[in-house]
Each structure stands twice: as structure tokens, then as C-alpha cells.
PDB file of N, CA and C in Angstrom:
ATOM      1  N   MET A   1       0.857  -1.173  -0.009  1.00  0.00           N
ATOM      2  CA  MET A   1       0.018   0.011  -0.010  1.00  0.00           C
ATOM      3  C   MET A   1       0.892   1.248   0.001  1.00  0.00           C
ATOM      4  N   PHE A   2       0.551   2.147  -0.886  1.00  0.00           N
ATOM      5  CA  PHE A   2       1.282   3.412  -0.913  1.00  0.00           C
ATOM      6  C   PHE A   2       0.476   4.473  -0.158  1.00  0.00           C
ATOM      7  N   GLY A   3       1.166   5.303   0.605  1.00  0.00           N
ATOM      8  CA  GLY A   3       0.458   6.306   1.371  1.00  0.00           C
ATOM      9  C   GLY A   3       1.150   7.638   1.363  1.00  0.00           C
ATOM     10  N   TYR A   4       1.636   8.048   0.241  1.00  0.00           N
ATOM     11  CA  TYR A   4       2.310   9.371   0.180  1.00  0.00           C
ATOM     12  C   TYR A   4       2.220   9.958  -1.196  1.00  0.00           C
ATOM     13  N   ALA A   5       2.415  11.239  -1.222  1.00  0.00           N
ATOM     14  CA  ALA A   5       2.416  11.963  -2.513  1.00  0.00           C
ATOM     15  C   ALA A   5       3.876  12.156  -2.919  1.00  0.00           C
ATOM     16  N   THR A   6       4.102  12.201  -4.257  1.00  0.00           N
ATOM     17  CA  THR A   6       5.457  12.347  -4.760  1.00  0.00           C
ATOM     18  C   THR A   6       5.384  13.093  -6.083  1.00  0.00           C
ATOM     19  N   ASP A   7       6.489  13.675  -6.482  1.00  0.00           N
ATOM     20  CA  ASP A   7       6.513  14.395  -7.744  1.00  0.00           C
ATOM     21  C   ASP A   7       6.963  13.491  -8.941  1.00  0.00           C
ATOM     22  N   GLU A   8       6.945  12.171  -8.742  1.00  0.00           N
ATOM     23  CA  GLU A   8       7.354  11.250  -9.826  1.00  0.00           C
ATOM     24  C   GLU A   8       6.394  11.243 -11.014  1.00  0.00           C
ATOM     25  N   THR A   9       5.150  11.581 -10.753  1.00  0.00           N
ATOM     26  CA  THR A   9       4.115  11.559 -11.813  1.00  0.00           C
ATOM     27  C   THR A   9       3.225  12.820 -11.686  1.00  0.00           C
ATOM     28  N   PRO A  10       2.557  13.210 -12.762  1.00  0.00           N
ATOM     29  CA  PRO A  10       1.661  14.350 -12.700  1.00  0.00           C
ATOM     30  C   PRO A  10       0.539  14.137 -11.662  1.00  0.00           C
ATOM     31  N   GLU A  11       0.147  12.865 -11.407  1.00  0.00           N
ATOM     32  CA  GLU A  11      -0.910  12.589 -10.452  1.00  0.00           C
ATOM     33  C   GLU A  11      -0.456  12.604  -9.020  1.00  0.00           C
ATOM     34  N   LEU A  12       0.871  12.853  -8.831  1.00  0.00           N
ATOM     35  CA  LEU A  12       1.493  12.848  -7.496  1.00  0.00           C
ATOM     36  C   LEU A  12       1.442  11.474  -6.829  1.00  0.00           C
ATOM     37  N   MET A  13       1.407  10.439  -7.649  1.00  0.00           N
ATOM     38  CA  MET A  13       1.445   9.071  -7.157  1.00  0.00           C
ATOM     39  C   MET A  13       2.831   8.459  -7.503  1.00  0.00           C
ATOM     40  N   PRO A  14       3.242   7.505  -6.669  1.00  0.00           N
ATOM     41  CA  PRO A  14       4.538   6.794  -6.998  1.00  0.00           C
ATOM     42  C   PRO A  14       4.394   6.158  -8.371  1.00  0.00           C
ATOM     43  N   LEU A  15       5.534   6.183  -9.105  1.00  0.00           N
ATOM     44  CA  LEU A  15       5.543   5.642 -10.472  1.00  0.00           C
ATOM     45  C   LEU A  15       5.064   4.181 -10.556  1.00  0.00           C
ATOM     46  N   PRO A  16       5.454   3.264  -9.658  1.00  0.00           N
ATOM     47  CA  PRO A  16       4.991   1.898  -9.813  1.00  0.00           C
ATOM     48  C   PRO A  16       3.491   1.774  -9.790  1.00  0.00           C
ATOM     49  N   ILE A  17       2.813   2.468  -8.910  1.00  0.00           N
ATOM     50  CA  ILE A  17       1.343   2.359  -8.820  1.00  0.00           C
ATOM     51  C   ILE A  17       0.689   3.031 -10.050  1.00  0.00           C
ATOM     52  N   ARG A  18       1.258   4.127 -10.516  1.00  0.00           N
ATOM     53  CA  ARG A  18       0.734   4.796 -11.664  1.00  0.00           C
ATOM     54  C   ARG A  18       0.825   3.929 -12.939  1.00  0.00           C
ATOM     55  N   LEU A  19       1.971   3.245 -13.111  1.00  0.00           N
ATOM     56  CA  LEU A  19       2.117   2.369 -14.271  1.00  0.00           C
ATOM     57  C   LEU A  19       1.210   1.160 -14.116  1.00  0.00           C
ATOM     58  N   ALA A  20       1.076   0.605 -12.937  1.00  0.00           N
ATOM     59  CA  ALA A  20       0.182  -0.541 -12.709  1.00  0.00           C
ATOM     60  C   ALA A  20      -1.272  -0.183 -13.066  1.00  0.00           C
ATOM     61  N   HIS A  21      -1.693   1.016 -12.603  1.00  0.00           N
ATOM     62  CA  HIS A  21      -3.023   1.473 -12.957  1.00  0.00           C
ATOM     63  C   HIS A  21      -3.178   1.667 -14.438  1.00  0.00           C
ATOM     64  N   ARG A  22      -2.187   2.226 -15.064  1.00  0.00           N
ATOM     65  CA  ARG A  22      -2.269   2.481 -16.539  1.00  0.00           C
ATOM     66  C   ARG A  22      -2.290   1.186 -17.337  1.00  0.00           C
ATOM     67  N   LEU A  23      -1.593   0.153 -16.830  1.00  0.00           N
ATOM     68  CA  LEU A  23      -1.591  -1.163 -17.512  1.00  0.00           C
ATOM     69  C   LEU A  23      -3.034  -1.733 -17.586  1.00  0.00           C
ATOM     70  N   VAL A  24      -3.731  -1.713 -16.432  1.00  0.00           N
ATOM     71  CA  VAL A  24      -5.092  -2.285 -16.476  1.00  0.00           C
ATOM     72  C   VAL A  24      -6.060  -1.388 -17.222  1.00  0.00           C
ATOM     73  N   GLN A  25      -5.819  -0.092 -17.192  1.00  0.00           N
ATOM     74  CA  GLN A  25      -6.654   0.804 -18.034  1.00  0.00           C
ATOM     75  C   GLN A  25      -6.461   0.496 -19.477  1.00  0.00           C
ATOM     76  N   ARG A  26      -5.223   0.318 -19.874  1.00  0.00           N
ATOM     77  CA  ARG A  26      -4.890  -0.020 -21.305  1.00  0.00           C
ATOM     78  C   ARG A  26      -5.508  -1.401 -21.661  1.00  0.00           C
ATOM     79  N   GLN A  27      -5.437  -2.347 -20.749  1.00  0.00           N
ATOM     80  CA  GLN A  27      -6.019  -3.650 -21.027  1.00  0.00           C
ATOM     81  C   GLN A  27      -7.532  -3.483 -21.325  1.00  0.00           C
ATOM     82  N   ALA A  28      -8.202  -2.678 -20.556  1.00  0.00           N
ATOM     83  CA  ALA A  28      -9.640  -2.449 -20.790  1.00  0.00           C
ATOM     84  C   ALA A  28      -9.877  -1.758 -22.138  1.00  0.00           C
ATOM     85  N   GLU A  29      -9.038  -0.744 -22.481  1.00  0.00           N
ATOM     86  CA  GLU A  29      -9.166  -0.072 -23.795  1.00  0.00           C
ATOM     87  C   GLU A  29      -9.003  -1.075 -24.977  1.00  0.00           C
ATOM     88  N   VAL A  30      -7.942  -1.885 -24.864  1.00  0.00           N
ATOM     89  CA  VAL A  30      -7.686  -2.806 -25.958  1.00  0.00           C
ATOM     90  C   VAL A  30      -8.798  -3.867 -26.048  1.00  0.00           C
ATOM     91  N   ARG A  31      -9.289  -4.278 -24.889  1.00  0.00           N
ATOM     92  CA  ARG A  31     -10.358  -5.307 -24.866  1.00  0.00           C
ATOM     93  C   ARG A  31     -11.624  -4.692 -25.473  1.00  0.00           C
ATOM     94  N   LYS A  32     -11.984  -3.528 -25.055  1.00  0.00           N
ATOM     95  CA  LYS A  32     -13.251  -2.894 -25.515  1.00  0.00           C
ATOM     96  C   LYS A  32     -13.184  -2.526 -26.989  1.00  0.00           C
ATOM     97  N   SER A  33     -11.992  -2.175 -27.479  1.00  0.00           N
ATOM     98  CA  SER A  33     -11.860  -1.829 -28.906  1.00  0.00           C
ATOM     99  C   SER A  33     -11.917  -3.011 -29.823  1.00  0.00           C
ATOM    100  N   GLY A  34     -11.714  -4.244 -29.301  1.00  0.00           N
ATOM    101  CA  GLY A  34     -11.683  -5.441 -30.089  1.00  0.00           C
ATOM    102  C   GLY A  34     -10.328  -5.733 -30.681  1.00  0.00           C
ATOM    103  N   ARG A  35      -9.336  -4.913 -30.336  1.00  0.00           N
ATOM    104  CA  ARG A  35      -7.970  -5.060 -30.849  1.00  0.00           C
ATOM    105  C   ARG A  35      -7.390  -6.418 -30.504  1.00  0.00           C
ATOM    106  N   LEU A  36      -7.652  -6.892 -29.268  1.00  0.00           N
ATOM    107  CA  LEU A  36      -7.278  -8.296 -28.879  1.00  0.00           C
ATOM    108  C   LEU A  36      -8.602  -8.903 -28.437  1.00  0.00           C
ATOM    109  N   PRO A  37      -9.350  -9.482 -29.357  1.00  0.00           N
ATOM    110  CA  PRO A  37     -10.690  -9.938 -29.084  1.00  0.00           C
ATOM    111  C   PRO A  37     -10.816 -11.050 -28.059  1.00  0.00           C
ATOM    112  N   TRP A  38      -9.746 -11.722 -27.735  1.00  0.00           N
ATOM    113  CA  TRP A  38      -9.821 -12.824 -26.776  1.00  0.00           C
ATOM    114  C   TRP A  38      -9.605 -12.376 -25.336  1.00  0.00           C
ATOM    115  N   LEU A  39      -9.337 -11.069 -25.108  1.00  0.00           N
ATOM    116  CA  LEU A  39      -9.238 -10.539 -23.756  1.00  0.00           C
ATOM    117  C   LEU A  39     -10.610 -10.532 -23.100  1.00  0.00           C
ATOM    118  N   LYS A  40     -10.652 -10.827 -21.833  1.00  0.00           N
ATOM    119  CA  LYS A  40     -11.884 -10.792 -21.044  1.00  0.00           C
ATOM    120  C   LYS A  40     -11.736  -9.772 -19.931  1.00  0.00           C
ATOM    121  N   PRO A  41     -12.810  -9.381 -19.305  1.00  0.00           N
ATOM    122  CA  PRO A  41     -12.724  -8.454 -18.177  1.00  0.00           C
ATOM    123  C   PRO A  41     -11.899  -9.038 -17.050  1.00  0.00           C
ATOM    124  N   ASP A  42     -11.276  -8.265 -16.252  1.00  0.00           N
ATOM    125  CA  ASP A  42     -10.532  -8.614 -15.097  1.00  0.00           C
ATOM    126  C   ASP A  42      -9.041  -8.718 -15.434  1.00  0.00           C
ATOM    127  N   ALA A  43      -8.319  -7.805 -14.902  1.00  0.00           N
ATOM    128  CA  ALA A  43      -6.845  -7.788 -15.014  1.00  0.00           C
ATOM    129  C   ALA A  43      -6.251  -7.246 -13.736  1.00  0.00           C
ATOM    130  N   LYS A  44      -5.066  -7.720 -13.460  1.00  0.00           N
ATOM    131  CA  LYS A  44      -4.277  -7.273 -12.334  1.00  0.00           C
ATOM    132  C   LYS A  44      -2.853  -7.028 -12.780  1.00  0.00           C
ATOM    133  N   SER A  45      -2.198  -6.062 -12.173  1.00  0.00           N
ATOM    134  CA  SER A  45      -0.838  -5.744 -12.559  1.00  0.00           C
ATOM    135  C   SER A  45       0.013  -5.367 -11.359  1.00  0.00           C
ATOM    136  N   GLN A  46       1.316  -5.554 -11.556  1.00  0.00           N
ATOM    137  CA  GLN A  46       2.317  -5.155 -10.546  1.00  0.00           C
ATOM    138  C   GLN A  46       3.521  -4.659 -11.323  1.00  0.00           C
ATOM    139  N   VAL A  47       4.121  -3.604 -10.912  1.00  0.00           N
ATOM    140  CA  VAL A  47       5.301  -3.057 -11.562  1.00  0.00           C
ATOM    141  C   VAL A  47       6.356  -2.795 -10.527  1.00  0.00           C
ATOM    142  N   SER A  48       7.573  -3.333 -10.793  1.00  0.00           N
ATOM    143  CA  SER A  48       8.736  -3.112  -9.929  1.00  0.00           C
ATOM    144  C   SER A  48       9.689  -2.108 -10.602  1.00  0.00           C
ATOM    145  N   VAL A  49      10.033  -1.102  -9.873  1.00  0.00           N
ATOM    146  CA  VAL A  49      10.875  -0.018 -10.396  1.00  0.00           C
ATOM    147  C   VAL A  49      12.147   0.077  -9.606  1.00  0.00           C
ATOM    148  N   ARG A  50      13.267   0.262 -10.280  1.00  0.00           N
ATOM    149  CA  ARG A  50      14.594   0.472  -9.643  1.00  0.00           C
ATOM    150  C   ARG A  50      14.758   1.994  -9.441  1.00  0.00           C
ATOM    151  N   TYR A  51      15.208   2.325  -8.282  1.00  0.00           N
ATOM    152  CA  TYR A  51      15.446   3.740  -7.956  1.00  0.00           C
ATOM    153  C   TYR A  51      16.921   4.006  -7.704  1.00  0.00           C
ATOM    154  N   LYS A  52      17.368   5.182  -8.042  1.00  0.00           N
ATOM    155  CA  LYS A  52      18.718   5.646  -7.714  1.00  0.00           C
ATOM    156  C   LYS A  52      18.579   7.056  -7.178  1.00  0.00           C
ATOM    157  N   ASP A  53      19.146   7.305  -6.027  1.00  0.00           N
ATOM    158  CA  ASP A  53      19.048   8.630  -5.381  1.00  0.00           C
ATOM    159  C   ASP A  53      17.565   9.063  -5.282  1.00  0.00           C
ATOM    160  N   LYS A  54      16.729   8.141  -4.937  1.00  0.00           N
ATOM    161  CA  LYS A  54      15.267   8.396  -4.685  1.00  0.00           C
ATOM    162  C   LYS A  54      14.507   8.769  -5.953  1.00  0.00           C
ATOM    163  N   ARG A  55      15.068   8.501  -7.122  1.00  0.00           N
ATOM    164  CA  ARG A  55      14.396   8.753  -8.375  1.00  0.00           C
ATOM    165  C   ARG A  55      14.265   7.457  -9.176  1.00  0.00           C
ATOM    166  N   PRO A  56      13.135   7.261  -9.895  1.00  0.00           N
ATOM    167  CA  PRO A  56      13.020   6.057 -10.674  1.00  0.00           C
ATOM    168  C   PRO A  56      13.931   6.064 -11.881  1.00  0.00           C
ATOM    169  N   VAL A  57      14.675   4.937 -12.105  1.00  0.00           N
ATOM    170  CA  VAL A  57      15.603   4.898 -13.235  1.00  0.00           C
ATOM    171  C   VAL A  57      15.333   3.770 -14.201  1.00  0.00           C
ATOM    172  N   ALA A  58      14.553   2.730 -13.784  1.00  0.00           N
ATOM    173  CA  ALA A  58      14.218   1.647 -14.667  1.00  0.00           C
ATOM    174  C   ALA A  58      13.073   0.807 -14.138  1.00  0.00           C
ATOM    175  N   VAL A  59      12.287   0.348 -15.074  1.00  0.00           N
ATOM    176  CA  VAL A  59      11.227  -0.657 -14.726  1.00  0.00           C
ATOM    177  C   VAL A  59      11.896  -1.991 -14.824  1.00  0.00           C
ATOM    178  N   GLU A  60      11.981  -2.692 -13.733  1.00  0.00           N
ATOM    179  CA  GLU A  60      12.684  -3.976 -13.665  1.00  0.00           C
ATOM    180  C   GLU A  60      11.762  -5.144 -14.003  1.00  0.00           C
ATOM    181  N   LYS A  61      10.486  -5.040 -13.617  1.00  0.00           N
ATOM    182  CA  LYS A  61       9.599  -6.204 -13.828  1.00  0.00           C
ATOM    183  C   LYS A  61       8.166  -5.684 -13.975  1.00  0.00           C
ATOM    184  N   VAL A  62       7.457  -6.266 -14.933  1.00  0.00           N
ATOM    185  CA  VAL A  62       6.038  -6.005 -15.119  1.00  0.00           C
ATOM    186  C   VAL A  62       5.316  -7.312 -15.044  1.00  0.00           C
ATOM    187  N   VAL A  63       4.330  -7.422 -14.168  1.00  0.00           N
ATOM    188  CA  VAL A  63       3.469  -8.640 -14.112  1.00  0.00           C
ATOM    189  C   VAL A  63       2.073  -8.175 -14.475  1.00  0.00           C
ATOM    190  N   LEU A  64       1.516  -8.840 -15.511  1.00  0.00           N
ATOM    191  CA  LEU A  64       0.105  -8.536 -15.890  1.00  0.00           C
ATOM    192  C   LEU A  64      -0.637  -9.818 -15.999  1.00  0.00           C
ATOM    193  N   SER A  65      -1.666  -9.939 -15.211  1.00  0.00           N
ATOM    194  CA  SER A  65      -2.543 -11.123 -15.265  1.00  0.00           C
ATOM    195  C   SER A  65      -3.868 -10.660 -15.866  1.00  0.00           C
ATOM    196  N   THR A  66      -4.284 -11.294 -16.944  1.00  0.00           N
ATOM    197  CA  THR A  66      -5.477 -10.911 -17.627  1.00  0.00           C
ATOM    198  C   THR A  66      -6.340 -12.082 -17.990  1.00  0.00           C
ATOM    199  N   SER A  67      -7.563 -12.029 -17.766  1.00  0.00           N
ATOM    200  CA  SER A  67      -8.523 -13.096 -18.185  1.00  0.00           C
ATOM    201  C   SER A  67      -8.583 -13.095 -19.694  1.00  0.00           C
ATOM    202  N   ASN A  68      -8.745 -14.267 -20.264  1.00  0.00           N
ATOM    203  CA  ASN A  68      -8.783 -14.390 -21.704  1.00  0.00           C
ATOM    204  C   ASN A  68      -9.583 -15.593 -22.147  1.00  0.00           C
ATOM    205  N   ALA A  69      -9.948 -15.656 -23.425  1.00  0.00           N
ATOM    206  CA  ALA A  69     -10.647 -16.783 -23.957  1.00  0.00           C
ATOM    207  C   ALA A  69      -9.774 -18.033 -23.819  1.00  0.00           C
ATOM    208  N   ALA A  70     -10.405 -19.152 -23.571  1.00  0.00           N
ATOM    209  CA  ALA A  70      -9.636 -20.426 -23.374  1.00  0.00           C
ATOM    210  C   ALA A  70      -8.901 -20.860 -24.597  1.00  0.00           C
ATOM    211  N   ASP A  71      -9.352 -20.477 -25.773  1.00  0.00           N
ATOM    212  CA  ASP A  71      -8.739 -21.028 -27.009  1.00  0.00           C
ATOM    213  C   ASP A  71      -7.589 -20.215 -27.550  1.00  0.00           C
ATOM    214  N   VAL A  72      -7.175 -19.153 -26.886  1.00  0.00           N
ATOM    215  CA  VAL A  72      -6.060 -18.356 -27.399  1.00  0.00           C
ATOM    216  C   VAL A  72      -4.746 -19.078 -27.048  1.00  0.00           C
ATOM    217  N   GLU A  73      -3.858 -19.112 -28.029  1.00  0.00           N
ATOM    218  CA  GLU A  73      -2.540 -19.731 -27.794  1.00  0.00           C
ATOM    219  C   GLU A  73      -1.659 -18.879 -26.920  1.00  0.00           C
ATOM    220  N   ASP A  74      -0.795 -19.513 -26.144  1.00  0.00           N
ATOM    221  CA  ASP A  74       0.062 -18.815 -25.250  1.00  0.00           C
ATOM    222  C   ASP A  74       0.920 -17.750 -25.941  1.00  0.00           C
ATOM    223  N   LYS A  75       1.487 -18.078 -27.152  1.00  0.00           N
ATOM    224  CA  LYS A  75       2.350 -17.162 -27.839  1.00  0.00           C
ATOM    225  C   LYS A  75       1.554 -15.941 -28.326  1.00  0.00           C
ATOM    226  N   ALA A  76       0.322 -16.120 -28.824  1.00  0.00           N
ATOM    227  CA  ALA A  76      -0.512 -15.009 -29.226  1.00  0.00           C
ATOM    228  C   ALA A  76      -0.848 -14.137 -28.027  1.00  0.00           C
ATOM    229  N   LEU A  77      -1.132 -14.750 -26.911  1.00  0.00           N
ATOM    230  CA  LEU A  77      -1.462 -14.003 -25.680  1.00  0.00           C
ATOM    231  C   LEU A  77      -0.253 -13.168 -25.287  1.00  0.00           C
ATOM    232  N   ARG A  78       0.885 -13.802 -25.171  1.00  0.00           N
ATOM    233  CA  ARG A  78       2.080 -13.069 -24.735  1.00  0.00           C
ATOM    234  C   ARG A  78       2.479 -11.977 -25.711  1.00  0.00           C
ATOM    235  N   ASP A  79       2.519 -12.280 -26.984  1.00  0.00           N
ATOM    236  CA  ASP A  79       2.914 -11.285 -28.009  1.00  0.00           C
ATOM    237  C   ASP A  79       1.950 -10.126 -28.052  1.00  0.00           C
ATOM    238  N   GLY A  80       0.645 -10.411 -27.997  1.00  0.00           N
ATOM    239  CA  GLY A  80      -0.360  -9.363 -28.078  1.00  0.00           C
ATOM    240  C   GLY A  80      -0.360  -8.481 -26.853  1.00  0.00           C
ATOM    241  N   VAL A  81      -0.231  -9.059 -25.682  1.00  0.00           N
ATOM    242  CA  VAL A  81      -0.252  -8.259 -24.436  1.00  0.00           C
ATOM    243  C   VAL A  81       0.994  -7.416 -24.372  1.00  0.00           C
ATOM    244  N   ILE A  82       2.144  -7.984 -24.744  1.00  0.00           N
ATOM    245  CA  ILE A  82       3.355  -7.143 -24.727  1.00  0.00           C
ATOM    246  C   ILE A  82       3.303  -5.979 -25.709  1.00  0.00           C
ATOM    247  N   SER A  83       2.915  -6.276 -26.948  1.00  0.00           N
ATOM    248  CA  SER A  83       2.887  -5.184 -27.935  1.00  0.00           C
ATOM    249  C   SER A  83       1.778  -4.205 -27.789  1.00  0.00           C
ATOM    250  N   GLU A  84       0.587  -4.649 -27.441  1.00  0.00           N
ATOM    251  CA  GLU A  84      -0.569  -3.761 -27.398  1.00  0.00           C
ATOM    252  C   GLU A  84      -0.795  -3.122 -26.026  1.00  0.00           C
ATOM    253  N   ILE A  85      -0.232  -3.724 -24.949  1.00  0.00           N
ATOM    254  CA  ILE A  85      -0.463  -3.152 -23.645  1.00  0.00           C
ATOM    255  C   ILE A  85       0.846  -2.676 -23.004  1.00  0.00           C
ATOM    256  N   ILE A  86       1.743  -3.615 -22.740  1.00  0.00           N
ATOM    257  CA  ILE A  86       2.944  -3.294 -21.968  1.00  0.00           C
ATOM    258  C   ILE A  86       3.842  -2.233 -22.680  1.00  0.00           C
ATOM    259  N   GLU A  87       4.129  -2.514 -23.949  1.00  0.00           N
ATOM    260  CA  GLU A  87       5.003  -1.594 -24.675  1.00  0.00           C
ATOM    261  C   GLU A  87       4.355  -0.193 -24.904  1.00  0.00           C
ATOM    262  N   GLN A  88       3.026  -0.145 -24.841  1.00  0.00           N
ATOM    263  CA  GLN A  88       2.322   1.121 -25.016  1.00  0.00           C
ATOM    264  C   GLN A  88       2.327   1.954 -23.728  1.00  0.00           C
ATOM    265  N   VAL A  89       2.528   1.271 -22.594  1.00  0.00           N
ATOM    266  CA  VAL A  89       2.423   1.956 -21.283  1.00  0.00           C
ATOM    267  C   VAL A  89       3.801   2.209 -20.676  1.00  0.00           C
ATOM    268  N   ILE A  90       4.679   1.274 -20.740  1.00  0.00           N
ATOM    269  CA  ILE A  90       6.012   1.424 -20.082  1.00  0.00           C
ATOM    270  C   ILE A  90       6.915   2.214 -21.044  1.00  0.00           C
ATOM    271  N   PRO A  91       7.358   3.402 -20.666  1.00  0.00           N
ATOM    272  CA  PRO A  91       8.203   4.202 -21.510  1.00  0.00           C
ATOM    273  C   PRO A  91       9.461   3.429 -21.884  1.00  0.00           C
ATOM    274  N   ALA A  92       9.864   3.514 -23.133  1.00  0.00           N
ATOM    275  CA  ALA A  92      11.044   2.809 -23.604  1.00  0.00           C
ATOM    276  C   ALA A  92      12.292   3.167 -22.809  1.00  0.00           C
ATOM    277  N   GLY A  93      12.386   4.434 -22.419  1.00  0.00           N
ATOM    278  CA  GLY A  93      13.557   4.865 -21.695  1.00  0.00           C
ATOM    279  C   GLY A  93      13.679   4.311 -20.294  1.00  0.00           C
ATOM    280  N   LEU A  94      12.549   3.719 -19.813  1.00  0.00           N
ATOM    281  CA  LEU A  94      12.535   3.131 -18.461  1.00  0.00           C
ATOM    282  C   LEU A  94      12.640   1.653 -18.506  1.00  0.00           C
ATOM    283  N   ARG A  95      12.561   1.033 -19.666  1.00  0.00           N
ATOM    284  CA  ARG A  95      12.628  -0.413 -19.748  1.00  0.00           C
ATOM    285  C   ARG A  95      14.079  -0.870 -19.479  1.00  0.00           C
ATOM    286  N   SER A  96      14.219  -1.725 -18.517  1.00  0.00           N
ATOM    287  CA  SER A  96      15.569  -2.140 -18.098  1.00  0.00           C
ATOM    288  C   SER A  96      16.132  -3.143 -19.104  1.00  0.00           C
ATOM    289  N   PRO A  97      17.332  -2.876 -19.601  1.00  0.00           N
ATOM    290  CA  PRO A  97      17.991  -3.825 -20.511  1.00  0.00           C
ATOM    291  C   PRO A  97      18.531  -5.014 -19.753  1.00  0.00           C
ATOM    292  N   ARG A  98      18.582  -4.959 -18.418  1.00  0.00           N
ATOM    293  CA  ARG A  98      19.190  -5.979 -17.601  1.00  0.00           C
ATOM    294  C   ARG A  98      18.216  -7.130 -17.299  1.00  0.00           C
ATOM    295  N   SER A  99      16.979  -6.913 -17.458  1.00  0.00           N
ATOM    296  CA  SER A  99      16.037  -7.966 -16.983  1.00  0.00           C
ATOM    297  C   SER A  99      14.890  -8.142 -17.999  1.00  0.00           C
ATOM    298  N   ASN A 100      14.214  -9.251 -17.843  1.00  0.00           N
ATOM    299  CA  ASN A 100      12.997  -9.503 -18.631  1.00  0.00           C
ATOM    300  C   ASN A 100      11.912  -8.687 -17.989  1.00  0.00           C
ATOM    301  N   THR A 101      11.459  -7.645 -18.642  1.00  0.00           N
ATOM    302  CA  THR A 101      10.519  -6.762 -17.972  1.00  0.00           C
ATOM    303  C   THR A 101       9.079  -7.189 -18.084  1.00  0.00           C
ATOM    304  N   SER A 102       8.834  -8.305 -18.757  1.00  0.00           N
ATOM    305  CA  SER A 102       7.433  -8.675 -18.964  1.00  0.00           C
ATOM    306  C   SER A 102       7.161 -10.089 -18.486  1.00  0.00           C
ATOM    307  N   SER A 103       6.073 -10.168 -17.693  1.00  0.00           N
ATOM    308  CA  SER A 103       5.656 -11.510 -17.245  1.00  0.00           C
ATOM    309  C   SER A 103       4.075 -11.514 -17.434  1.00  0.00           C
ATOM    310  N   ILE A 104       3.658 -12.418 -18.271  1.00  0.00           N
ATOM    311  CA  ILE A 104       2.217 -12.499 -18.540  1.00  0.00           C
ATOM    312  C   ILE A 104       1.674 -13.701 -17.709  1.00  0.00           C
ATOM    313  N   ARG A 105       0.702 -13.472 -16.934  1.00  0.00           N
ATOM    314  CA  ARG A 105       0.123 -14.530 -16.148  1.00  0.00           C
ATOM    315  C   ARG A 105      -1.254 -14.882 -16.709  1.00  0.00           C
ATOM    316  N   ARG A 106      -1.478 -16.134 -16.848  1.00  0.00           N
ATOM    317  CA  ARG A 106      -2.791 -16.618 -17.380  1.00  0.00           C
ATOM    318  C   ARG A 106      -3.516 -17.200 -16.230  1.00  0.00           C
ATOM    319  N   PRO A 107      -4.551 -16.479 -15.727  1.00  0.00           N
ATOM    320  CA  PRO A 107      -5.280 -16.977 -14.583  1.00  0.00           C
ATOM    321  C   PRO A 107      -6.072 -18.225 -14.894  1.00  0.00           C
ATOM    322  N   VAL A 108      -6.550 -18.875 -13.852  1.00  0.00           N
ATOM    323  CA  VAL A 108      -7.340 -20.088 -14.072  1.00  0.00           C
ATOM    324  C   VAL A 108      -8.569 -19.702 -14.920  1.00  0.00           C
ATOM    325  N   ARG A 109      -9.100 -20.661 -15.623  1.00  0.00           N
ATOM    326  CA  ARG A 109     -10.156 -20.385 -16.548  1.00  0.00           C
ATOM    327  C   ARG A 109     -11.547 -20.327 -15.948  1.00  0.00           C
ATOM    328  N   HIS A 110     -11.666 -20.681 -14.660  1.00  0.00           N
ATOM    329  CA  HIS A 110     -12.960 -20.637 -13.998  1.00  0.00           C
ATOM    330  C   HIS A 110     -13.057 -19.326 -13.221  1.00  0.00           C
ATOM    331  N   ARG A 111     -14.244 -18.743 -13.275  1.00  0.00           N
ATOM    332  CA  ARG A 111     -14.447 -17.506 -12.543  1.00  0.00           C
ATOM    333  C   ARG A 111     -15.304 -17.740 -11.294  1.00  0.00           C
ATOM    334  N   GLY A 112     -15.267 -16.812 -10.359  1.00  0.00           N
ATOM    335  CA  GLY A 112     -16.080 -16.964  -9.198  1.00  0.00           C
ATOM    336  C   GLY A 112     -15.448 -17.841  -8.164  1.00  0.00           C
ATOM    337  N   PRO A 113     -16.258 -18.486  -7.313  1.00  0.00           N
ATOM    338  CA  PRO A 113     -15.769 -19.341  -6.210  1.00  0.00           C
ATOM    339  C   PRO A 113     -14.890 -20.503  -6.750  1.00  0.00           C
ATOM    340  N   VAL A 114     -15.235 -21.070  -7.884  1.00  0.00           N
ATOM    341  CA  VAL A 114     -14.437 -22.200  -8.372  1.00  0.00           C
ATOM    342  C   VAL A 114     -13.068 -21.713  -8.766  1.00  0.00           C
ATOM    343  N   GLY A 115     -12.952 -20.567  -9.439  1.00  0.00           N
ATOM    344  CA  GLY A 115     -11.662 -20.020  -9.829  1.00  0.00           C
ATOM    345  C   GLY A 115     -10.860 -19.561  -8.649  1.00  0.00           C
ATOM    346  N   ASP A 116     -11.532 -18.985  -7.631  1.00  0.00           N
ATOM    347  CA  ASP A 116     -10.863 -18.477  -6.465  1.00  0.00           C
ATOM    348  C   ASP A 116     -10.212 -19.627  -5.628  1.00  0.00           C
ATOM    349  N   THR A 117     -10.727 -20.799  -5.753  1.00  0.00           N
ATOM    350  CA  THR A 117     -10.185 -21.905  -4.918  1.00  0.00           C
ATOM    351  C   THR A 117      -9.404 -22.908  -5.759  1.00  0.00           C
ATOM    352  N   ALA A 118      -9.363 -22.743  -7.074  1.00  0.00           N
ATOM    353  CA  ALA A 118      -8.669 -23.711  -7.881  1.00  0.00           C
ATOM    354  C   ALA A 118      -7.172 -23.649  -7.740  1.00  0.00           C
TER     355      ALA A 118
END
């Protein structure tokens, strides 16, 4: 939980939470536009940022979990989410060359109580 204001973003929010919010907003935009027709509602994200002298210098890790149609291939899911969501949100200048900045999580295919306990 973040509980402070900062000048890292125009919204005065820490950069990791701002990017995480923007990732799920972008997921909704792409889903609603039909650009990635196999996306379903419900996404979660986490962004890890490396700091130097109290300033963000690189996004080290992006985790994005998004519901999707059962018949989409893993490669199509990964490639589509990276190109249409992650690369559109995470500034190129902050992408860390040292690490794999993208991790796509495919949640269980059941929703509700069955999915929550699977």
C-alpha cells in the first residue's frame, strides 16, 4: 500500500502504482476496442521499479494477469499483451535492459468461487 504523494508523476502518485493502474486501463481499452478480441474483463498488474538517489531509473519487472478466452494460444497471448499493452504503457527509456521486464500470467479459466479456490 502506498500512502504518500510524490513528484514522480503528474498525479502525485509513485511511479509503480501509476504504471500498474495504466496497464489495467490499457487492457480495458484494448479489450473494448476489439484489438485483442480474446481478452476478457478482469486484469491485475504489478510493476517493480529500480530507484537511484530516490528517483526512478528503470522498470525492472512487469506482471500482468489478464482473463482471456480459453482457446487463445500462449504465444498469441504473450505477444499481443506485450505489444498492445505493456510496450504502449511502459516508456522505452525506463525499460531495463538487464532484465526480462514482462511477465504474462494466465489466470485459471474458472471464474467466481471455483476459480478463487482452484
